[in-house]
Amino acid sequence: MDVNLIFKIAGIGIFISIINIVLKQADKEEQAQMITLVSVIIVMTVVIQLISQLFNDVRTVFRF
């Protein structure tokens, strides 16, 4: 497994949490929620692509 991918996801989480805190202190809670939602969608897209690649690798190994 690629460790860089874990660091990218963790970096996105840290960056978004800092932006979220700044926006909440500026009374922009709606924008903070939208940015959090967008970041979750981005991370889920990356994870879904990895799961798809895993299933393709398993299919190749077992020749289905």
PDB file of N, CA and C in Angstrom:
ATOM      1  N   MET A   1       0.840  -1.186   0.000  1.00  0.00           N
ATOM      2  CA  MET A   1       0.000   0.000   0.000  1.00  0.00           C
ATOM      3  C   MET A   1       0.877   1.239   0.000  1.00  0.00           C
ATOM      4  N   ASP A   2       0.418   2.221  -0.678  1.00  0.00           N
ATOM      5  CA  ASP A   2       1.188   3.443  -0.818  1.00  0.00           C
ATOM      6  C   ASP A   2       0.966   4.339   0.399  1.00  0.00           C
ATOM      7  N   VAL A   3       2.038   4.615   1.119  1.00  0.00           N
ATOM      8  CA  VAL A   3       1.944   5.425   2.324  1.00  0.00           C
ATOM      9  C   VAL A   3       1.666   6.882   1.974  1.00  0.00           C
ATOM     10  N   ASN A   4       2.092   7.308   0.789  1.00  0.00           N
ATOM     11  CA  ASN A   4       1.847   8.692   0.387  1.00  0.00           C
ATOM     12  C   ASN A   4       0.360   9.002   0.311  1.00  0.00           C
ATOM     13  N   LEU A   5      -0.431   8.033  -0.084  1.00  0.00           N
ATOM     14  CA  LEU A   5      -1.870   8.236  -0.163  1.00  0.00           C
ATOM     15  C   LEU A   5      -2.462   8.501   1.221  1.00  0.00           C
ATOM     16  N   ILE A   6      -1.983   7.790   2.223  1.00  0.00           N
ATOM     17  CA  ILE A   6      -2.450   8.007   3.593  1.00  0.00           C
ATOM     18  C   ILE A   6      -2.080   9.411   4.052  1.00  0.00           C
ATOM     19  N   PHE A   7      -0.873   9.854   3.714  1.00  0.00           N
ATOM     20  CA  PHE A   7      -0.459  11.206   4.078  1.00  0.00           C
ATOM     21  C   PHE A   7      -1.272  12.263   3.344  1.00  0.00           C
ATOM     22  N   LYS A   8      -1.643  12.003   2.091  1.00  0.00           N
ATOM     23  CA  LYS A   8      -2.479  12.948   1.345  1.00  0.00           C
ATOM     24  C   LYS A   8      -3.843  13.088   1.996  1.00  0.00           C
ATOM     25  N   ILE A   9      -4.449  11.971   2.364  1.00  0.00           N
ATOM     26  CA  ILE A   9      -5.767  12.011   3.001  1.00  0.00           C
ATOM     27  C   ILE A   9      -5.677  12.703   4.358  1.00  0.00           C
ATOM     28  N   ALA A  10      -4.637  12.410   5.114  1.00  0.00           N
ATOM     29  CA  ALA A  10      -4.458  13.071   6.411  1.00  0.00           C
ATOM     30  C   ALA A  10      -4.208  14.562   6.223  1.00  0.00           C
ATOM     31  N   GLY A  11      -3.434  14.928   5.214  1.00  0.00           N
ATOM     32  CA  GLY A  11      -3.178  16.340   4.933  1.00  0.00           C
ATOM     33  C   GLY A  11      -4.439  17.081   4.554  1.00  0.00           C
ATOM     34  N   ILE A  12      -5.271  16.452   3.747  1.00  0.00           N
ATOM     35  CA  ILE A  12      -6.554  17.062   3.384  1.00  0.00           C
ATOM     36  C   ILE A  12      -7.396  17.264   4.645  1.00  0.00           C
ATOM     37  N   GLY A  13      -7.413  16.280   5.514  1.00  0.00           N
ATOM     38  CA  GLY A  13      -8.188  16.391   6.749  1.00  0.00           C
ATOM     39  C   GLY A  13      -7.705  17.511   7.645  1.00  0.00           C
ATOM     40  N   ILE A  14      -6.401  17.631   7.799  1.00  0.00           N
ATOM     41  CA  ILE A  14      -5.840  18.694   8.643  1.00  0.00           C
ATOM     42  C   ILE A  14      -6.127  20.060   8.032  1.00  0.00           C
ATOM     43  N   PHE A  15      -5.927  20.185   6.721  1.00  0.00           N
ATOM     44  CA  PHE A  15      -6.156  21.453   6.033  1.00  0.00           C
ATOM     45  C   PHE A  15      -7.621  21.875   6.144  1.00  0.00           C
ATOM     46  N   ILE A  16      -8.524  20.959   5.928  1.00  0.00           N
ATOM     47  CA  ILE A  16      -9.951  21.272   5.988  1.00  0.00           C
ATOM     48  C   ILE A  16     -10.374  21.596   7.416  1.00  0.00           C
ATOM     49  N   SER A  17      -9.801  20.923   8.390  1.00  0.00           N
ATOM     50  CA  SER A  17     -10.177  21.237   9.772  1.00  0.00           C
ATOM     51  C   SER A  17      -9.725  22.638  10.165  1.00  0.00           C
ATOM     52  N   ILE A  18      -8.559  23.063   9.691  1.00  0.00           N
ATOM     53  CA  ILE A  18      -8.088  24.424   9.974  1.00  0.00           C
ATOM     54  C   ILE A  18      -8.997  25.447   9.299  1.00  0.00           C
ATOM     55  N   ILE A  19      -9.347  25.196   8.033  1.00  0.00           N
ATOM     56  CA  ILE A  19     -10.253  26.107   7.327  1.00  0.00           C
ATOM     57  C   ILE A  19     -11.612  26.139   8.026  1.00  0.00           C
ATOM     58  N   ASN A  20     -12.065  24.981   8.474  1.00  0.00           N
ATOM     59  CA  ASN A  20     -13.348  24.891   9.169  1.00  0.00           C
ATOM     60  C   ASN A  20     -13.335  25.733  10.445  1.00  0.00           C
ATOM     61  N   ILE A  21     -12.283  25.653  11.220  1.00  0.00           N
ATOM     62  CA  ILE A  21     -12.180  26.428  12.461  1.00  0.00           C
ATOM     63  C   ILE A  21     -12.173  27.922  12.162  1.00  0.00           C
ATOM     64  N   VAL A  22     -11.404  28.329  11.144  1.00  0.00           N
ATOM     65  CA  VAL A  22     -11.330  29.751  10.784  1.00  0.00           C
ATOM     66  C   VAL A  22     -12.695  30.261  10.337  1.00  0.00           C
ATOM     67  N   LEU A  23     -13.385  29.495   9.502  1.00  0.00           N
ATOM     68  CA  LEU A  23     -14.690  29.934   9.019  1.00  0.00           C
ATOM     69  C   LEU A  23     -15.731  29.977  10.128  1.00  0.00           C
ATOM     70  N   LYS A  24     -15.685  29.050  11.060  1.00  0.00           N
ATOM     71  CA  LYS A  24     -16.643  29.072  12.167  1.00  0.00           C
ATOM     72  C   LYS A  24     -16.400  30.272  13.082  1.00  0.00           C
ATOM     73  N   GLN A  25     -15.149  30.646  13.270  1.00  0.00           N
ATOM     74  CA  GLN A  25     -14.864  31.815  14.089  1.00  0.00           C
ATOM     75  C   GLN A  25     -15.263  33.102  13.385  1.00  0.00           C
ATOM     76  N   ALA A  26     -15.348  33.076  12.064  1.00  0.00           N
ATOM     77  CA  ALA A  26     -15.771  34.240  11.290  1.00  0.00           C
ATOM     78  C   ALA A  26     -17.278  34.222  11.053  1.00  0.00           C
ATOM     79  N   ASP A  27     -17.998  33.379  11.780  1.00  0.00           N
ATOM     80  CA  ASP A  27     -19.450  33.237  11.655  1.00  0.00           C
ATOM     81  C   ASP A  27     -19.884  32.877  10.241  1.00  0.00           C
ATOM     82  N   LYS A  28     -19.137  32.010   9.614  1.00  0.00           N
ATOM     83  CA  LYS A  28     -19.459  31.505   8.272  1.00  0.00           C
ATOM     84  C   LYS A  28     -19.651  29.998   8.353  1.00  0.00           C
ATOM     85  N   GLU A  29     -20.575  29.571   9.208  1.00  0.00           N
ATOM     86  CA  GLU A  29     -20.750  28.142   9.451  1.00  0.00           C
ATOM     87  C   GLU A  29     -21.274  27.402   8.232  1.00  0.00           C
ATOM     88  N   GLU A  30     -22.084  28.068   7.426  1.00  0.00           N
ATOM     89  CA  GLU A  30     -22.623  27.401   6.242  1.00  0.00           C
ATOM     90  C   GLU A  30     -21.511  27.076   5.241  1.00  0.00           C
ATOM     91  N   GLN A  31     -20.588  28.014   5.034  1.00  0.00           N
ATOM     92  CA  GLN A  31     -19.466  27.751   4.136  1.00  0.00           C
ATOM     93  C   GLN A  31     -18.550  26.672   4.709  1.00  0.00           C
ATOM     94  N   ALA A  32     -18.396  26.656   6.021  1.00  0.00           N
ATOM     95  CA  ALA A  32     -17.568  25.634   6.658  1.00  0.00           C
ATOM     96  C   ALA A  32     -18.160  24.246   6.430  1.00  0.00           C
ATOM     97  N   GLN A  33     -19.468  24.140   6.535  1.00  0.00           N
ATOM     98  CA  GLN A  33     -20.112  22.853   6.293  1.00  0.00           C
ATOM     99  C   GLN A  33     -19.986  22.425   4.847  1.00  0.00           C
ATOM    100  N   MET A  34     -20.108  23.372   3.924  1.00  0.00           N
ATOM    101  CA  MET A  34     -19.981  23.046   2.503  1.00  0.00           C
ATOM    102  C   MET A  34     -18.567  22.570   2.171  1.00  0.00           C
ATOM    103  N   ILE A  35     -17.565  23.229   2.714  1.00  0.00           N
ATOM    104  CA  ILE A  35     -16.178  22.822   2.463  1.00  0.00           C
ATOM    105  C   ILE A  35     -15.921  21.446   3.061  1.00  0.00           C
ATOM    106  N   THR A  36     -16.464  21.190   4.235  1.00  0.00           N
ATOM    107  CA  THR A  36     -16.311  19.873   4.841  1.00  0.00           C
ATOM    108  C   THR A  36     -16.978  18.806   3.984  1.00  0.00           C
ATOM    109  N   LEU A  37     -18.155  19.086   3.482  1.00  0.00           N
ATOM    110  CA  LEU A  37     -18.862  18.138   2.628  1.00  0.00           C
ATOM    111  C   LEU A  37     -18.093  17.866   1.340  1.00  0.00           C
ATOM    112  N   VAL A  38     -17.559  18.908   0.725  1.00  0.00           N
ATOM    113  CA  VAL A  38     -16.790  18.742  -0.511  1.00  0.00           C
ATOM    114  C   VAL A  38     -15.534  17.918  -0.243  1.00  0.00           C
ATOM    115  N   SER A  39     -14.872  18.156   0.867  1.00  0.00           N
ATOM    116  CA  SER A  39     -13.655  17.388   1.166  1.00  0.00           C
ATOM    117  C   SER A  39     -13.977  15.918   1.424  1.00  0.00           C
ATOM    118  N   VAL A  40     -15.110  15.641   2.067  1.00  0.00           N
ATOM    119  CA  VAL A  40     -15.515  14.246   2.285  1.00  0.00           C
ATOM    120  C   VAL A  40     -15.784  13.573   0.951  1.00  0.00           C
ATOM    121  N   ILE A  41     -16.432  14.281   0.034  1.00  0.00           N
ATOM    122  CA  ILE A  41     -16.710  13.717  -1.288  1.00  0.00           C
ATOM    123  C   ILE A  41     -15.408  13.440  -2.038  1.00  0.00           C
ATOM    124  N   ILE A  42     -14.447  14.342  -1.946  1.00  0.00           N
ATOM    125  CA  ILE A  42     -13.159  14.142  -2.627  1.00  0.00           C
ATOM    126  C   ILE A  42     -12.443  12.920  -2.073  1.00  0.00           C
ATOM    127  N   VAL A  43     -12.396  12.801  -0.758  1.00  0.00           N
ATOM    128  CA  VAL A  43     -11.708  11.659  -0.137  1.00  0.00           C
ATOM    129  C   VAL A  43     -12.441  10.360  -0.460  1.00  0.00           C
ATOM    130  N   MET A  44     -13.762  10.383  -0.439  1.00  0.00           N
ATOM    131  CA  MET A  44     -14.523   9.177  -0.767  1.00  0.00           C
ATOM    132  C   MET A  44     -14.305   8.760  -2.218  1.00  0.00           C
ATOM    133  N   THR A  45     -14.155   9.726  -3.113  1.00  0.00           N
ATOM    134  CA  THR A  45     -13.867   9.408  -4.510  1.00  0.00           C
ATOM    135  C   THR A  45     -12.531   8.683  -4.636  1.00  0.00           C
ATOM    136  N   VAL A  46     -11.532   9.160  -3.919  1.00  0.00           N
ATOM    137  CA  VAL A  46     -10.221   8.509  -3.946  1.00  0.00           C
ATOM    138  C   VAL A  46     -10.323   7.092  -3.383  1.00  0.00           C
ATOM    139  N   VAL A  47     -11.041   6.931  -2.288  1.00  0.00           N
ATOM    140  CA  VAL A  47     -11.172   5.615  -1.660  1.00  0.00           C
ATOM    141  C   VAL A  47     -11.945   4.661  -2.571  1.00  0.00           C
ATOM    142  N   ILE A  48     -12.995   5.145  -3.217  1.00  0.00           N
ATOM    143  CA  ILE A  48     -13.770   4.293  -4.120  1.00  0.00           C
ATOM    144  C   ILE A  48     -12.917   3.844  -5.304  1.00  0.00           C
ATOM    145  N   GLN A  49     -12.076   4.728  -5.811  1.00  0.00           N
ATOM    146  CA  GLN A  49     -11.177   4.343  -6.903  1.00  0.00           C
ATOM    147  C   GLN A  49     -10.205   3.258  -6.449  1.00  0.00           C
ATOM    148  N   LEU A  50      -9.700   3.371  -5.232  1.00  0.00           N
ATOM    149  CA  LEU A  50      -8.793   2.345  -4.712  1.00  0.00           C
ATOM    150  C   LEU A  50      -9.504   1.009  -4.528  1.00  0.00           C
ATOM    151  N   ILE A  51     -10.742   1.047  -4.043  1.00  0.00           N
ATOM    152  CA  ILE A  51     -11.503  -0.192  -3.880  1.00  0.00           C
ATOM    153  C   ILE A  51     -11.783  -0.820  -5.238  1.00  0.00           C
ATOM    154  N   SER A  52     -12.087  -0.005  -6.228  1.00  0.00           N
ATOM    155  CA  SER A  52     -12.307  -0.510  -7.581  1.00  0.00           C
ATOM    156  C   SER A  52     -11.051  -1.172  -8.128  1.00  0.00           C
ATOM    157  N   GLN A  53      -9.918  -0.549  -7.889  1.00  0.00           N
ATOM    158  CA  GLN A  53      -8.649  -1.128  -8.332  1.00  0.00           C
ATOM    159  C   GLN A  53      -8.391  -2.453  -7.615  1.00  0.00           C
ATOM    160  N   LEU A  54      -8.715  -2.527  -6.329  1.00  0.00           N
ATOM    161  CA  LEU A  54      -8.550  -3.766  -5.572  1.00  0.00           C
ATOM    162  C   LEU A  54      -9.410  -4.879  -6.155  1.00  0.00           C
ATOM    163  N   PHE A  55     -10.685  -4.574  -6.463  1.00  0.00           N
ATOM    164  CA  PHE A  55     -11.553  -5.589  -7.045  1.00  0.00           C
ATOM    165  C   PHE A  55     -11.053  -6.038  -8.412  1.00  0.00           C
ATOM    166  N   ASN A  56     -10.532  -5.117  -9.204  1.00  0.00           N
ATOM    167  CA  ASN A  56      -9.967  -5.500 -10.500  1.00  0.00           C
ATOM    168  C   ASN A  56      -8.746  -6.396 -10.339  1.00  0.00           C
ATOM    169  N   ASP A  57      -7.918  -6.104  -9.347  1.00  0.00           N
ATOM    170  CA  ASP A  57      -6.752  -6.948  -9.088  1.00  0.00           C
ATOM    171  C   ASP A  57      -7.170  -8.347  -8.635  1.00  0.00           C
ATOM    172  N   VAL A  58      -8.182  -8.421  -7.773  1.00  0.00           N
ATOM    173  CA  VAL A  58      -8.674  -9.721  -7.314  1.00  0.00           C
ATOM    174  C   VAL A  58      -9.266 -10.495  -8.490  1.00  0.00           C
ATOM    175  N   ARG A  59     -10.003  -9.802  -9.345  1.00  0.00           N
ATOM    176  CA  ARG A  59     -10.595 -10.441 -10.519  1.00  0.00           C
ATOM    177  C   ARG A  59      -9.490 -10.964 -11.454  1.00  0.00           C
ATOM    178  N   THR A  60      -8.404 -10.204 -11.587  1.00  0.00           N
ATOM    179  CA  THR A  60      -7.295 -10.636 -12.430  1.00  0.00           C
ATOM    180  C   THR A  60      -6.604 -11.854 -11.832  1.00  0.00           C
ATOM    181  N   VAL A  61      -6.423 -11.863 -10.531  1.00  0.00           N
ATOM    182  CA  VAL A  61      -5.737 -12.971  -9.881  1.00  0.00           C
ATOM    183  C   VAL A  61      -6.543 -14.251 -10.034  1.00  0.00           C
ATOM    184  N   PHE A  62      -7.853 -14.177  -9.846  1.00  0.00           N
ATOM    185  CA  PHE A  62      -8.689 -15.361  -9.904  1.00  0.00           C
ATOM    186  C   PHE A  62      -9.295 -15.602 -11.291  1.00  0.00           C
ATOM    187  N   ARG A  63      -9.007 -14.719 -12.237  1.00  0.00           N
ATOM    188  CA  ARG A  63      -9.427 -14.810 -13.634  1.00  0.00           C
ATOM    189  C   ARG A  63     -10.940 -15.004 -13.788  1.00  0.00           C
ATOM    190  N   PHE A  64     -11.705 -14.089 -13.199  1.00  0.00           N
ATOM    191  CA  PHE A  64     -13.155 -14.123 -13.338  1.00  0.00           C
ATOM    192  C   PHE A  64     -13.577 -13.303 -14.525  1.00  0.00           C
TER     193      PHE A  64
END
